[in-house]
Amino acid sequence: MSFLEEFLAGGIPAAEFRHADHVRAGYELLRAMDFLDAVSAYGRALKIMTARVGKPEKLHHTITIAFLAVIAERMAEAPHANFDTFLAANPDLMDRALLGRWYRPEHLKTDAARSRFVLPDLAR
């Protein structure tokens, strides 16, 4: 089973799913489908993963969708042959604080940001 198939099936243990895996899953989904379908598939997979560990509140809609949007934008700007070359060209995607360019931390900590997508509160 491929990484993406395992992710979509909820087969990757949450404790082993690191930030790089989040970025990779987003990259692979966005290569396979359009943005809206990728957001939906990614969200479903994360719901499965967080439910399995009894922490559905860990799913953060704004962070998920915003990171996918950044990945999609980077992919459109400069296509790459694979995830490794994409990541090498975009090392800032490994910085969990990347969204700080667009969101204040306290804005992301709100229940609204966690439960649905909220627009950025900082200028780009």
PDB file of N, CA and C in Angstrom:
ATOM      1  N   MET A   1       0.846  -1.178   0.000  1.00  0.00           N
ATOM      2  CA  MET A   1       0.000   0.000   0.000  1.00  0.00           C
ATOM      3  C   MET A   1       0.894   1.245   0.000  1.00  0.00           C
ATOM      4  N   SER A   2       0.582   2.193  -0.857  1.00  0.00           N
ATOM      5  CA  SER A   2       1.380   3.417  -0.935  1.00  0.00           C
ATOM      6  C   SER A   2       1.132   4.301   0.290  1.00  0.00           C
ATOM      7  N   PHE A   3       2.012   5.253   0.486  1.00  0.00           N
ATOM      8  CA  PHE A   3       1.857   6.203   1.590  1.00  0.00           C
ATOM      9  C   PHE A   3       0.495   6.886   1.514  1.00  0.00           C
ATOM     10  N   LEU A   4       0.124   7.353   0.323  1.00  0.00           N
ATOM     11  CA  LEU A   4      -1.143   8.069   0.174  1.00  0.00           C
ATOM     12  C   LEU A   4      -2.335   7.162   0.452  1.00  0.00           C
ATOM     13  N   GLU A   5      -2.297   5.942  -0.040  1.00  0.00           N
ATOM     14  CA  GLU A   5      -3.388   4.992   0.221  1.00  0.00           C
ATOM     15  C   GLU A   5      -3.511   4.709   1.715  1.00  0.00           C
ATOM     16  N   GLU A   6      -2.377   4.538   2.355  1.00  0.00           N
ATOM     17  CA  GLU A   6      -2.384   4.271   3.797  1.00  0.00           C
ATOM     18  C   GLU A   6      -2.927   5.478   4.568  1.00  0.00           C
ATOM     19  N   PHE A   7      -2.527   6.684   4.155  1.00  0.00           N
ATOM     20  CA  PHE A   7      -3.035   7.900   4.794  1.00  0.00           C
ATOM     21  C   PHE A   7      -4.548   8.010   4.630  1.00  0.00           C
ATOM     22  N   LEU A   8      -5.033   7.826   3.413  1.00  0.00           N
ATOM     23  CA  LEU A   8      -6.465   7.968   3.148  1.00  0.00           C
ATOM     24  C   LEU A   8      -7.301   6.920   3.880  1.00  0.00           C
ATOM     25  N   ALA A   9      -6.713   5.755   4.102  1.00  0.00           N
ATOM     26  CA  ALA A   9      -7.420   4.685   4.810  1.00  0.00           C
ATOM     27  C   ALA A   9      -7.327   4.840   6.328  1.00  0.00           C
ATOM     28  N   GLY A  10      -6.570   5.832   6.767  1.00  0.00           N
ATOM     29  CA  GLY A  10      -6.404   6.029   8.209  1.00  0.00           C
ATOM     30  C   GLY A  10      -5.466   5.022   8.828  1.00  0.00           C
ATOM     31  N   GLY A  11      -4.591   4.456   8.013  1.00  0.00           N
ATOM     32  CA  GLY A  11      -3.709   3.401   8.492  1.00  0.00           C
ATOM     33  C   GLY A  11      -2.413   3.855   9.118  1.00  0.00           C
ATOM     34  N   ILE A  12      -2.119   5.136   9.061  1.00  0.00           N
ATOM     35  CA  ILE A  12      -0.883   5.633   9.667  1.00  0.00           C
ATOM     36  C   ILE A  12      -1.191   6.017  11.117  1.00  0.00           C
ATOM     37  N   PRO A  13      -0.503   5.408  12.070  1.00  0.00           N
ATOM     38  CA  PRO A  13      -0.749   5.758  13.474  1.00  0.00           C
ATOM     39  C   PRO A  13      -0.474   7.243  13.722  1.00  0.00           C
ATOM     40  N   ALA A  14      -1.357   7.901  14.433  1.00  0.00           N
ATOM     41  CA  ALA A  14      -1.227   9.339  14.688  1.00  0.00           C
ATOM     42  C   ALA A  14       0.110   9.680  15.337  1.00  0.00           C
ATOM     43  N   ALA A  15       0.592   8.819  16.213  1.00  0.00           N
ATOM     44  CA  ALA A  15       1.854   9.083  16.909  1.00  0.00           C
ATOM     45  C   ALA A  15       3.047   9.087  15.955  1.00  0.00           C
ATOM     46  N   GLU A  16       2.890   8.457  14.801  1.00  0.00           N
ATOM     47  CA  GLU A  16       3.977   8.384  13.819  1.00  0.00           C
ATOM     48  C   GLU A  16       3.802   9.387  12.681  1.00  0.00           C
ATOM     49  N   PHE A  17       2.717  10.134  12.675  1.00  0.00           N
ATOM     50  CA  PHE A  17       2.404  11.059  11.592  1.00  0.00           C
ATOM     51  C   PHE A  17       2.945  12.438  11.940  1.00  0.00           C
ATOM     52  N   ARG A  18       4.118  12.735  11.430  1.00  0.00           N
ATOM     53  CA  ARG A  18       4.832  13.972  11.746  1.00  0.00           C
ATOM     54  C   ARG A  18       4.451  15.094  10.772  1.00  0.00           C
ATOM     55  N   HIS A  19       4.972  16.278  11.042  1.00  0.00           N
ATOM     56  CA  HIS A  19       4.664  17.430  10.186  1.00  0.00           C
ATOM     57  C   HIS A  19       5.064  17.159   8.735  1.00  0.00           C
ATOM     58  N   ALA A  20       6.224  16.559   8.520  1.00  0.00           N
ATOM     59  CA  ALA A  20       6.652  16.253   7.148  1.00  0.00           C
ATOM     60  C   ALA A  20       5.656  15.334   6.452  1.00  0.00           C
ATOM     61  N   ASP A  21       5.047  14.434   7.201  1.00  0.00           N
ATOM     62  CA  ASP A  21       4.038  13.543   6.628  1.00  0.00           C
ATOM     63  C   ASP A  21       2.777  14.318   6.251  1.00  0.00           C
ATOM     64  N   HIS A  22       2.413  15.302   7.046  1.00  0.00           N
ATOM     65  CA  HIS A  22       1.278  16.170   6.707  1.00  0.00           C
ATOM     66  C   HIS A  22       1.539  16.862   5.367  1.00  0.00           C
ATOM     67  N   VAL A  23       2.735  17.422   5.226  1.00  0.00           N
ATOM     68  CA  VAL A  23       3.086  18.135   3.993  1.00  0.00           C
ATOM     69  C   VAL A  23       3.108  17.163   2.816  1.00  0.00           C
ATOM     70  N   ARG A  24       3.697  15.997   3.018  1.00  0.00           N
ATOM     71  CA  ARG A  24       3.751  15.002   1.944  1.00  0.00           C
ATOM     72  C   ARG A  24       2.356  14.552   1.525  1.00  0.00           C
ATOM     73  N   ALA A  25       1.492  14.290   2.477  1.00  0.00           N
ATOM     74  CA  ALA A  25       0.125  13.874   2.149  1.00  0.00           C
ATOM     75  C   ALA A  25      -0.573  14.962   1.344  1.00  0.00           C
ATOM     76  N   GLY A  26      -0.397  16.211   1.748  1.00  0.00           N
ATOM     77  CA  GLY A  26      -0.985  17.312   0.998  1.00  0.00           C
ATOM     78  C   GLY A  26      -0.454  17.388  -0.414  1.00  0.00           C
ATOM     79  N   TYR A  27       0.860  17.266  -0.555  1.00  0.00           N
ATOM     80  CA  TYR A  27       1.489  17.304  -1.873  1.00  0.00           C
ATOM     81  C   TYR A  27       0.944  16.189  -2.766  1.00  0.00           C
ATOM     82  N   GLU A  28       0.911  14.982  -2.241  1.00  0.00           N
ATOM     83  CA  GLU A  28       0.465  13.843  -3.046  1.00  0.00           C
ATOM     84  C   GLU A  28      -1.016  13.947  -3.406  1.00  0.00           C
ATOM     85  N   LEU A  29      -1.836  14.407  -2.486  1.00  0.00           N
ATOM     86  CA  LEU A  29      -3.258  14.591  -2.797  1.00  0.00           C
ATOM     87  C   LEU A  29      -3.446  15.654  -3.870  1.00  0.00           C
ATOM     88  N   LEU A  30      -2.708  16.745  -3.770  1.00  0.00           N
ATOM     89  CA  LEU A  30      -2.837  17.826  -4.743  1.00  0.00           C
ATOM     90  C   LEU A  30      -2.290  17.442  -6.111  1.00  0.00           C
ATOM     91  N   ARG A  31      -1.402  16.482  -6.158  1.00  0.00           N
ATOM     92  CA  ARG A  31      -0.956  15.951  -7.460  1.00  0.00           C
ATOM     93  C   ARG A  31      -2.027  15.066  -8.072  1.00  0.00           C
ATOM     94  N   ALA A  32      -2.815  14.421  -7.221  1.00  0.00           N
ATOM     95  CA  ALA A  32      -3.781  13.432  -7.690  1.00  0.00           C
ATOM     96  C   ALA A  32      -5.160  14.014  -7.992  1.00  0.00           C
ATOM     97  N   MET A  33      -5.478  15.164  -7.404  1.00  0.00           N
ATOM     98  CA  MET A  33      -6.844  15.692  -7.561  1.00  0.00           C
ATOM     99  C   MET A  33      -6.845  17.205  -7.440  1.00  0.00           C
ATOM    100  N   ASP A  34      -7.988  17.806  -7.745  1.00  0.00           N
ATOM    101  CA  ASP A  34      -8.071  19.264  -7.636  1.00  0.00           C
ATOM    102  C   ASP A  34      -8.128  19.682  -6.163  1.00  0.00           C
ATOM    103  N   PHE A  35      -8.015  20.988  -5.951  1.00  0.00           N
ATOM    104  CA  PHE A  35      -7.881  21.517  -4.594  1.00  0.00           C
ATOM    105  C   PHE A  35      -9.048  21.138  -3.684  1.00  0.00           C
ATOM    106  N   LEU A  36     -10.273  21.352  -4.135  1.00  0.00           N
ATOM    107  CA  LEU A  36     -11.421  21.064  -3.269  1.00  0.00           C
ATOM    108  C   LEU A  36     -11.521  19.586  -2.919  1.00  0.00           C
ATOM    109  N   ASP A  37     -11.253  18.717  -3.881  1.00  0.00           N
ATOM    110  CA  ASP A  37     -11.280  17.285  -3.596  1.00  0.00           C
ATOM    111  C   ASP A  37     -10.157  16.905  -2.633  1.00  0.00           C
ATOM    112  N   ALA A  38      -8.990  17.537  -2.804  1.00  0.00           N
ATOM    113  CA  ALA A  38      -7.862  17.256  -1.912  1.00  0.00           C
ATOM    114  C   ALA A  38      -8.178  17.692  -0.479  1.00  0.00           C
ATOM    115  N   VAL A  39      -8.783  18.865  -0.328  1.00  0.00           N
ATOM    116  CA  VAL A  39      -9.163  19.343   1.012  1.00  0.00           C
ATOM    117  C   VAL A  39     -10.130  18.362   1.661  1.00  0.00           C
ATOM    118  N   SER A  40     -11.105  17.919   0.897  1.00  0.00           N
ATOM    119  CA  SER A  40     -12.104  16.989   1.426  1.00  0.00           C
ATOM    120  C   SER A  40     -11.470  15.654   1.822  1.00  0.00           C
ATOM    121  N   ALA A  41     -10.649  15.097   0.945  1.00  0.00           N
ATOM    122  CA  ALA A  41     -10.003  13.809   1.224  1.00  0.00           C
ATOM    123  C   ALA A  41      -9.054  13.918   2.414  1.00  0.00           C
ATOM    124  N   TYR A  42      -8.310  15.007   2.479  1.00  0.00           N
ATOM    125  CA  TYR A  42      -7.368  15.221   3.574  1.00  0.00           C
ATOM    126  C   TYR A  42      -8.124  15.327   4.897  1.00  0.00           C
ATOM    127  N   GLY A  43      -9.196  16.097   4.888  1.00  0.00           N
ATOM    128  CA  GLY A  43     -10.002  16.246   6.100  1.00  0.00           C
ATOM    129  C   GLY A  43     -10.592  14.931   6.576  1.00  0.00           C
ATOM    130  N   ARG A  44     -11.103  14.128   5.637  1.00  0.00           N
ATOM    131  CA  ARG A  44     -11.657  12.814   6.011  1.00  0.00           C
ATOM    132  C   ARG A  44     -10.589  11.937   6.645  1.00  0.00           C
ATOM    133  N   ALA A  45      -9.400  11.918   6.048  1.00  0.00           N
ATOM    134  CA  ALA A  45      -8.317  11.084   6.577  1.00  0.00           C
ATOM    135  C   ALA A  45      -7.902  11.541   7.976  1.00  0.00           C
ATOM    136  N   LEU A  46      -7.816  12.850   8.180  1.00  0.00           N
ATOM    137  CA  LEU A  46      -7.455  13.348   9.509  1.00  0.00           C
ATOM    138  C   LEU A  46      -8.546  13.064  10.531  1.00  0.00           C
ATOM    139  N   LYS A  47      -9.801  13.117  10.114  1.00  0.00           N
ATOM    140  CA  LYS A  47     -10.898  12.777  11.033  1.00  0.00           C
ATOM    141  C   LYS A  47     -10.779  11.329  11.493  1.00  0.00           C
ATOM    142  N   ILE A  48     -10.458  10.433  10.577  1.00  0.00           N
ATOM    143  CA  ILE A  48     -10.272   9.024  10.933  1.00  0.00           C
ATOM    144  C   ILE A  48      -9.125   8.893  11.932  1.00  0.00           C
ATOM    145  N   MET A  49      -8.007   9.547  11.612  1.00  0.00           N
ATOM    146  CA  MET A  49      -6.813   9.447  12.451  1.00  0.00           C
ATOM    147  C   MET A  49      -7.065   9.995  13.852  1.00  0.00           C
ATOM    148  N   THR A  50      -7.681  11.170  13.946  1.00  0.00           N
ATOM    149  CA  THR A  50      -7.903  11.768  15.265  1.00  0.00           C
ATOM    150  C   THR A  50      -8.966  11.010  16.055  1.00  0.00           C
ATOM    151  N   ALA A  51      -9.948  10.458  15.372  1.00  0.00           N
ATOM    152  CA  ALA A  51     -10.982   9.666  16.063  1.00  0.00           C
ATOM    153  C   ALA A  51     -10.385   8.390  16.640  1.00  0.00           C
ATOM    154  N   ARG A  52      -9.446   7.782  15.921  1.00  0.00           N
ATOM    155  CA  ARG A  52      -8.829   6.534  16.397  1.00  0.00           C
ATOM    156  C   ARG A  52      -8.082   6.716  17.703  1.00  0.00           C
ATOM    157  N   VAL A  53      -7.552   7.903  17.910  1.00  0.00           N
ATOM    158  CA  VAL A  53      -6.818   8.147  19.157  1.00  0.00           C
ATOM    159  C   VAL A  53      -7.686   8.874  20.181  1.00  0.00           C
ATOM    160  N   GLY A  54      -8.964   9.025  19.860  1.00  0.00           N
ATOM    161  CA  GLY A  54      -9.888   9.648  20.796  1.00  0.00           C
ATOM    162  C   GLY A  54      -9.689  11.135  20.983  1.00  0.00           C
ATOM    163  N   LYS A  55      -9.124  11.803  19.961  1.00  0.00           N
ATOM    164  CA  LYS A  55      -8.874  13.240  20.061  1.00  0.00           C
ATOM    165  C   LYS A  55      -9.359  13.970  18.805  1.00  0.00           C
ATOM    166  N   PRO A  56     -10.654  13.891  18.531  1.00  0.00           N
ATOM    167  CA  PRO A  56     -11.156  14.556  17.325  1.00  0.00           C
ATOM    168  C   PRO A  56     -10.947  16.067  17.345  1.00  0.00           C
ATOM    169  N   GLU A  57     -10.780  16.633  18.530  1.00  0.00           N
ATOM    170  CA  GLU A  57     -10.560  18.077  18.639  1.00  0.00           C
ATOM    171  C   GLU A  57      -9.202  18.510  18.087  1.00  0.00           C
ATOM    172  N   LYS A  58      -8.315  17.560  17.830  1.00  0.00           N
ATOM    173  CA  LYS A  58      -6.996  17.875  17.274  1.00  0.00           C
ATOM    174  C   LYS A  58      -7.080  18.353  15.826  1.00  0.00           C
ATOM    175  N   LEU A  59      -8.156  17.998  15.132  1.00  0.00           N
ATOM    176  CA  LEU A  59      -8.325  18.435  13.747  1.00  0.00           C
ATOM    177  C   LEU A  59      -8.559  19.942  13.739  1.00  0.00           C
ATOM    178  N   HIS A  60      -7.694  20.657  13.040  1.00  0.00           N
ATOM    179  CA  HIS A  60      -7.767  22.119  12.980  1.00  0.00           C
ATOM    180  C   HIS A  60      -8.038  22.515  11.533  1.00  0.00           C
ATOM    181  N   HIS A  61      -9.257  22.939  11.266  1.00  0.00           N
ATOM    182  CA  HIS A  61      -9.679  23.217   9.894  1.00  0.00           C
ATOM    183  C   HIS A  61      -8.873  24.331   9.226  1.00  0.00           C
ATOM    184  N   THR A  62      -8.650  25.420   9.916  1.00  0.00           N
ATOM    185  CA  THR A  62      -7.942  26.541   9.294  1.00  0.00           C
ATOM    186  C   THR A  62      -6.506  26.182   8.969  1.00  0.00           C
ATOM    187  N   ILE A  63      -5.797  25.573   9.897  1.00  0.00           N
ATOM    188  CA  ILE A  63      -4.409  25.189   9.633  1.00  0.00           C
ATOM    189  C   ILE A  63      -4.348  24.196   8.481  1.00  0.00           C
ATOM    190  N   THR A  64      -5.234  23.227   8.476  1.00  0.00           N
ATOM    191  CA  THR A  64      -5.249  22.222   7.418  1.00  0.00           C
ATOM    192  C   THR A  64      -5.465  22.866   6.055  1.00  0.00           C
ATOM    193  N   ILE A  65      -6.500  23.658   5.927  1.00  0.00           N
ATOM    194  CA  ILE A  65      -6.830  24.247   4.628  1.00  0.00           C
ATOM    195  C   ILE A  65      -5.792  25.283   4.211  1.00  0.00           C
ATOM    196  N   ALA A  66      -5.315  26.087   5.141  1.00  0.00           N
ATOM    197  CA  ALA A  66      -4.318  27.103   4.800  1.00  0.00           C
ATOM    198  C   ALA A  66      -3.017  26.462   4.332  1.00  0.00           C
ATOM    199  N   PHE A  67      -2.564  25.408   5.016  1.00  0.00           N
ATOM    200  CA  PHE A  67      -1.340  24.732   4.579  1.00  0.00           C
ATOM    201  C   PHE A  67      -1.534  24.106   3.202  1.00  0.00           C
ATOM    202  N   LEU A  68      -2.682  23.488   2.969  1.00  0.00           N
ATOM    203  CA  LEU A  68      -2.947  22.921   1.648  1.00  0.00           C
ATOM    204  C   LEU A  68      -2.944  24.008   0.579  1.00  0.00           C
ATOM    205  N   ALA A  69      -3.463  25.179   0.895  1.00  0.00           N
ATOM    206  CA  ALA A  69      -3.463  26.286  -0.063  1.00  0.00           C
ATOM    207  C   ALA A  69      -2.041  26.740  -0.383  1.00  0.00           C
ATOM    208  N   VAL A  70      -1.192  26.818   0.627  1.00  0.00           N
ATOM    209  CA  VAL A  70       0.202  27.206   0.395  1.00  0.00           C
ATOM    210  C   VAL A  70       0.899  26.149  -0.465  1.00  0.00           C
ATOM    211  N   ILE A  71       0.696  24.881  -0.142  1.00  0.00           N
ATOM    212  CA  ILE A  71       1.305  23.805  -0.932  1.00  0.00           C
ATOM    213  C   ILE A  71       0.827  23.884  -2.377  1.00  0.00           C
ATOM    214  N   ALA A  72      -0.473  24.059  -2.587  1.00  0.00           N
ATOM    215  CA  ALA A  72      -1.027  24.139  -3.945  1.00  0.00           C
ATOM    216  C   ALA A  72      -0.445  25.324  -4.709  1.00  0.00           C
ATOM    217  N   GLU A  73      -0.316  26.450  -4.039  1.00  0.00           N
ATOM    218  CA  GLU A  73       0.252  27.634  -4.686  1.00  0.00           C
ATOM    219  C   GLU A  73       1.691  27.384  -5.104  1.00  0.00           C
ATOM    220  N   ARG A  74       2.476  26.776  -4.225  1.00  0.00           N
ATOM    221  CA  ARG A  74       3.875  26.485  -4.545  1.00  0.00           C
ATOM    222  C   ARG A  74       3.982  25.483  -5.695  1.00  0.00           C
ATOM    223  N   MET A  75       3.108  24.495  -5.695  1.00  0.00           N
ATOM    224  CA  MET A  75       3.122  23.504  -6.775  1.00  0.00           C
ATOM    225  C   MET A  75       2.804  24.162  -8.113  1.00  0.00           C
ATOM    226  N   ALA A  76       1.888  25.107  -8.123  1.00  0.00           N
ATOM    227  CA  ALA A  76       1.512  25.797  -9.358  1.00  0.00           C
ATOM    228  C   ALA A  76       2.629  26.717  -9.850  1.00  0.00           C
ATOM    229  N   GLU A  77       3.360  27.320  -8.917  1.00  0.00           N
ATOM    230  CA  GLU A  77       4.439  28.240  -9.269  1.00  0.00           C
ATOM    231  C   GLU A  77       5.614  27.525  -9.909  1.00  0.00           C
ATOM    232  N   ALA A  78       5.942  26.335  -9.421  1.00  0.00           N
ATOM    233  CA  ALA A  78       7.117  25.608  -9.908  1.00  0.00           C
ATOM    234  C   ALA A  78       6.901  24.114  -9.731  1.00  0.00           C
ATOM    235  N   PRO A  79       6.440  23.441 -10.772  1.00  0.00           N
ATOM    236  CA  PRO A  79       6.231  21.990 -10.674  1.00  0.00           C
ATOM    237  C   PRO A  79       7.547  21.245 -10.392  1.00  0.00           C
ATOM    238  N   HIS A  80       7.438  20.164  -9.657  1.00  0.00           N
ATOM    239  CA  HIS A  80       8.595  19.334  -9.316  1.00  0.00           C
ATOM    240  C   HIS A  80       8.272  17.884  -9.624  1.00  0.00           C
ATOM    241  N   ALA A  81       9.310  17.111  -9.877  1.00  0.00           N
ATOM    242  CA  ALA A  81       9.135  15.711 -10.265  1.00  0.00           C
ATOM    243  C   ALA A  81       8.603  14.848  -9.133  1.00  0.00           C
ATOM    244  N   ASN A  82       8.942  15.207  -7.901  1.00  0.00           N
ATOM    245  CA  ASN A  82       8.511  14.389  -6.765  1.00  0.00           C
ATOM    246  C   ASN A  82       8.525  15.225  -5.486  1.00  0.00           C
ATOM    247  N   PHE A  83       8.065  14.605  -4.412  1.00  0.00           N
ATOM    248  CA  PHE A  83       7.960  15.317  -3.141  1.00  0.00           C
ATOM    249  C   PHE A  83       9.316  15.779  -2.633  1.00  0.00           C
ATOM    250  N   ASP A  84      10.344  14.957  -2.767  1.00  0.00           N
ATOM    251  CA  ASP A  84      11.658  15.334  -2.241  1.00  0.00           C
ATOM    252  C   ASP A  84      12.193  16.600  -2.900  1.00  0.00           C
ATOM    253  N   THR A  85      12.065  16.713  -4.227  1.00  0.00           N
ATOM    254  CA  THR A  85      12.548  17.923  -4.898  1.00  0.00           C
ATOM    255  C   THR A  85      11.659  19.119  -4.564  1.00  0.00           C
ATOM    256  N   PHE A  86      10.367  18.872  -4.417  1.00  0.00           N
ATOM    257  CA  PHE A  86       9.444  19.940  -4.021  1.00  0.00           C
ATOM    258  C   PHE A  86       9.816  20.473  -2.642  1.00  0.00           C
ATOM    259  N   LEU A  87      10.038  19.580  -1.699  1.00  0.00           N
ATOM    260  CA  LEU A  87      10.374  19.995  -0.339  1.00  0.00           C
ATOM    261  C   LEU A  87      11.729  20.695  -0.295  1.00  0.00           C
ATOM    262  N   ALA A  88      12.687  20.211  -1.074  1.00  0.00           N
ATOM    263  CA  ALA A  88      14.001  20.857  -1.112  1.00  0.00           C
ATOM    264  C   ALA A  88      13.894  22.297  -1.616  1.00  0.00           C
ATOM    265  N   ALA A  89      12.963  22.542  -2.526  1.00  0.00           N
ATOM    266  CA  ALA A  89      12.764  23.888  -3.068  1.00  0.00           C
ATOM    267  C   ALA A  89      11.893  24.762  -2.163  1.00  0.00           C
ATOM    268  N   ASN A  90      11.215  24.136  -1.210  1.00  0.00           N
ATOM    269  CA  ASN A  90      10.286  24.852  -0.325  1.00  0.00           C
ATOM    270  C   ASN A  90      10.506  24.464   1.137  1.00  0.00           C
ATOM    271  N   PRO A  91      11.714  24.652   1.650  1.00  0.00           N
ATOM    272  CA  PRO A  91      12.003  24.195   3.015  1.00  0.00           C
ATOM    273  C   PRO A  91      11.175  24.900   4.086  1.00  0.00           C
ATOM    274  N   ASP A  92      10.648  26.080   3.781  1.00  0.00           N
ATOM    275  CA  ASP A  92       9.842  26.781   4.783  1.00  0.00           C
ATOM    276  C   ASP A  92       8.546  26.046   5.097  1.00  0.00           C
ATOM    277  N   LEU A  93       8.135  25.115   4.239  1.00  0.00           N
ATOM    278  CA  LEU A  93       6.942  24.320   4.524  1.00  0.00           C
ATOM    279  C   LEU A  93       7.141  23.419   5.742  1.00  0.00           C
ATOM    280  N   MET A  94       8.377  23.207   6.132  1.00  0.00           N
ATOM    281  CA  MET A  94       8.656  22.393   7.315  1.00  0.00           C
ATOM    282  C   MET A  94       8.553  23.206   8.603  1.00  0.00           C
ATOM    283  N   ASP A  95       8.376  24.500   8.468  1.00  0.00           N
ATOM    284  CA  ASP A  95       8.247  25.381   9.626  1.00  0.00           C
ATOM    285  C   ASP A  95       6.778  25.475  10.016  1.00  0.00           C
ATOM    286  N   ARG A  96       6.437  24.916  11.156  1.00  0.00           N
ATOM    287  CA  ARG A  96       5.039  24.950  11.615  1.00  0.00           C
ATOM    288  C   ARG A  96       4.543  26.380  11.809  1.00  0.00           C
ATOM    289  N   ALA A  97       5.460  27.311  11.976  1.00  0.00           N
ATOM    290  CA  ALA A  97       5.083  28.711  12.183  1.00  0.00           C
ATOM    291  C   ALA A  97       4.870  29.459  10.866  1.00  0.00           C
ATOM    292  N   LEU A  98       4.946  28.769   9.750  1.00  0.00           N
ATOM    293  CA  LEU A  98       4.799  29.400   8.436  1.00  0.00           C
ATOM    294  C   LEU A  98       3.528  30.236   8.331  1.00  0.00           C
ATOM    295  N   LEU A  99       2.447  29.741   8.865  1.00  0.00           N
ATOM    296  CA  LEU A  99       1.176  30.464   8.745  1.00  0.00           C
ATOM    297  C   LEU A  99       1.177  31.773   9.523  1.00  0.00           C
ATOM    298  N   GLY A 100       2.209  32.000  10.332  1.00  0.00           N
ATOM    299  CA  GLY A 100       2.352  33.261  11.045  1.00  0.00           C
ATOM    300  C   GLY A 100       2.509  34.456  10.113  1.00  0.00           C
ATOM    301  N   ARG A 101       2.800  34.197   8.847  1.00  0.00           N
ATOM    302  CA  ARG A 101       2.851  35.281   7.856  1.00  0.00           C
ATOM    303  C   ARG A 101       1.456  35.859   7.614  1.00  0.00           C
ATOM    304  N   TRP A 102       0.449  35.032   7.833  1.00  0.00           N
ATOM    305  CA  TRP A 102      -0.926  35.407   7.513  1.00  0.00           C
ATOM    306  C   TRP A 102      -1.854  35.439   8.730  1.00  0.00           C
ATOM    307  N   TYR A 103      -1.485  34.705   9.771  1.00  0.00           N
ATOM    308  CA  TYR A 103      -2.352  34.567  10.951  1.00  0.00           C
ATOM    309  C   TYR A 103      -1.585  34.870  12.233  1.00  0.00           C
ATOM    310  N   ARG A 104      -2.217  35.631  13.130  1.00  0.00           N
ATOM    311  CA  ARG A 104      -1.664  35.797  14.468  1.00  0.00           C
ATOM    312  C   ARG A 104      -1.934  34.506  15.249  1.00  0.00           C
ATOM    313  N   PRO A 105      -1.029  34.086  16.122  1.00  0.00           N
ATOM    314  CA  PRO A 105      -1.238  32.845  16.877  1.00  0.00           C
ATOM    315  C   PRO A 105      -2.563  32.814  17.630  1.00  0.00           C
ATOM    316  N   GLU A 106      -2.940  33.937  18.225  1.00  0.00           N
ATOM    317  CA  GLU A 106      -4.196  33.949  18.981  1.00  0.00           C
ATOM    318  C   GLU A 106      -5.418  33.780  18.075  1.00  0.00           C
ATOM    319  N   HIS A 107      -5.294  34.183  16.821  1.00  0.00           N
ATOM    320  CA  HIS A 107      -6.391  33.993  15.860  1.00  0.00           C
ATOM    321  C   HIS A 107      -6.560  32.501  15.553  1.00  0.00           C
ATOM    322  N   LEU A 108      -5.440  31.800  15.421  1.00  0.00           N
ATOM    323  CA  LEU A 108      -5.493  30.362  15.137  1.00  0.00           C
ATOM    324  C   LEU A 108      -5.937  29.543  16.346  1.00  0.00           C
ATOM    325  N   LYS A 109      -5.823  30.107  17.530  1.00  0.00           N
ATOM    326  CA  LYS A 109      -6.208  29.376  18.744  1.00  0.00           C
ATOM    327  C   LYS A 109      -7.699  29.439  19.042  1.00  0.00           C
ATOM    328  N   THR A 110      -8.448  30.159  18.234  1.00  0.00           N
ATOM    329  CA  THR A 110      -9.883  30.293  18.503  1.00  0.00           C
ATOM    330  C   THR A 110     -10.642  29.026  18.126  1.00  0.00           C
ATOM    331  N   ASP A 111     -11.769  28.838  18.784  1.00  0.00           N
ATOM    332  CA  ASP A 111     -12.642  27.709  18.437  1.00  0.00           C
ATOM    333  C   ASP A 111     -13.119  27.818  16.997  1.00  0.00           C
ATOM    334  N   ALA A 112     -13.371  29.041  16.551  1.00  0.00           N
ATOM    335  CA  ALA A 112     -13.820  29.240  15.168  1.00  0.00           C
ATOM    336  C   ALA A 112     -12.767  28.745  14.182  1.00  0.00           C
ATOM    337  N   ALA A 113     -11.498  29.073  14.417  1.00  0.00           N
ATOM    338  CA  ALA A 113     -10.429  28.643  13.514  1.00  0.00           C
ATOM    339  C   ALA A 113     -10.252  27.132  13.535  1.00  0.00           C
ATOM    340  N   ARG A 114     -10.472  26.538  14.674  1.00  0.00           N
ATOM    341  CA  ARG A 114     -10.328  25.088  14.792  1.00  0.00           C
ATOM    342  C   ARG A 114     -11.479  24.364  14.094  1.00  0.00           C
ATOM    343  N   SER A 115     -12.682  24.876  14.210  1.00  0.00           N
ATOM    344  CA  SER A 115     -13.863  24.148  13.739  1.00  0.00           C
ATOM    345  C   SER A 115     -14.279  24.458  12.302  1.00  0.00           C
ATOM    346  N   ARG A 116     -13.736  25.533  11.735  1.00  0.00           N
ATOM    347  CA  ARG A 116     -14.032  25.881  10.346  1.00  0.00           C
ATOM    348  C   ARG A 116     -12.891  26.744   9.833  1.00  0.00           C
ATOM    349  N   PHE A 117     -12.834  26.945   8.530  1.00  0.00           N
ATOM    350  CA  PHE A 117     -11.793  27.802   7.969  1.00  0.00           C
ATOM    351  C   PHE A 117     -12.117  29.262   8.258  1.00  0.00           C
ATOM    352  N   VAL A 118     -11.124  29.987   8.761  1.00  0.00           N
ATOM    353  CA  VAL A 118     -11.263  31.432   8.933  1.00  0.00           C
ATOM    354  C   VAL A 118     -10.207  32.129   8.077  1.00  0.00           C
ATOM    355  N   LEU A 119     -10.563  33.280   7.574  1.00  0.00           N
ATOM    356  CA  LEU A 119      -9.645  34.047   6.737  1.00  0.00           C
ATOM    357  C   LEU A 119      -8.477  34.574   7.561  1.00  0.00           C
ATOM    358  N   PRO A 120      -7.340  34.815   6.913  1.00  0.00           N
ATOM    359  CA  PRO A 120      -6.187  35.366   7.622  1.00  0.00           C
ATOM    360  C   PRO A 120      -6.500  36.728   8.229  1.00  0.00           C
ATOM    361  N   ASP A 121      -5.799  37.041   9.299  1.00  0.00           N
ATOM    362  CA  ASP A 121      -6.004  38.332   9.947  1.00  0.00           C
ATOM    363  C   ASP A 121      -4.802  39.258   9.784  1.00  0.00           C
ATOM    364  N   LEU A 122      -3.786  38.819   9.062  1.00  0.00           N
ATOM    365  CA  LEU A 122      -2.619  39.653   8.782  1.00  0.00           C
ATOM    366  C   LEU A 122      -2.479  39.840   7.277  1.00  0.00           C
ATOM    367  N   ALA A 123      -1.873  40.947   6.887  1.00  0.00           N
ATOM    368  CA  ALA A 123      -1.624  41.179   5.457  1.00  0.00           C
ATOM    369  C   ALA A 123      -0.547  40.233   4.967  1.00  0.00           C
ATOM    370  N   ARG A 124      -0.634  39.882   3.739  1.00  0.00           N
ATOM    371  CA  ARG A 124       0.351  38.975   3.141  1.00  0.00           C
ATOM    372  C   ARG A 124       1.586  39.727   2.886  1.00  0.00           C
TER     373      ARG A 124
END
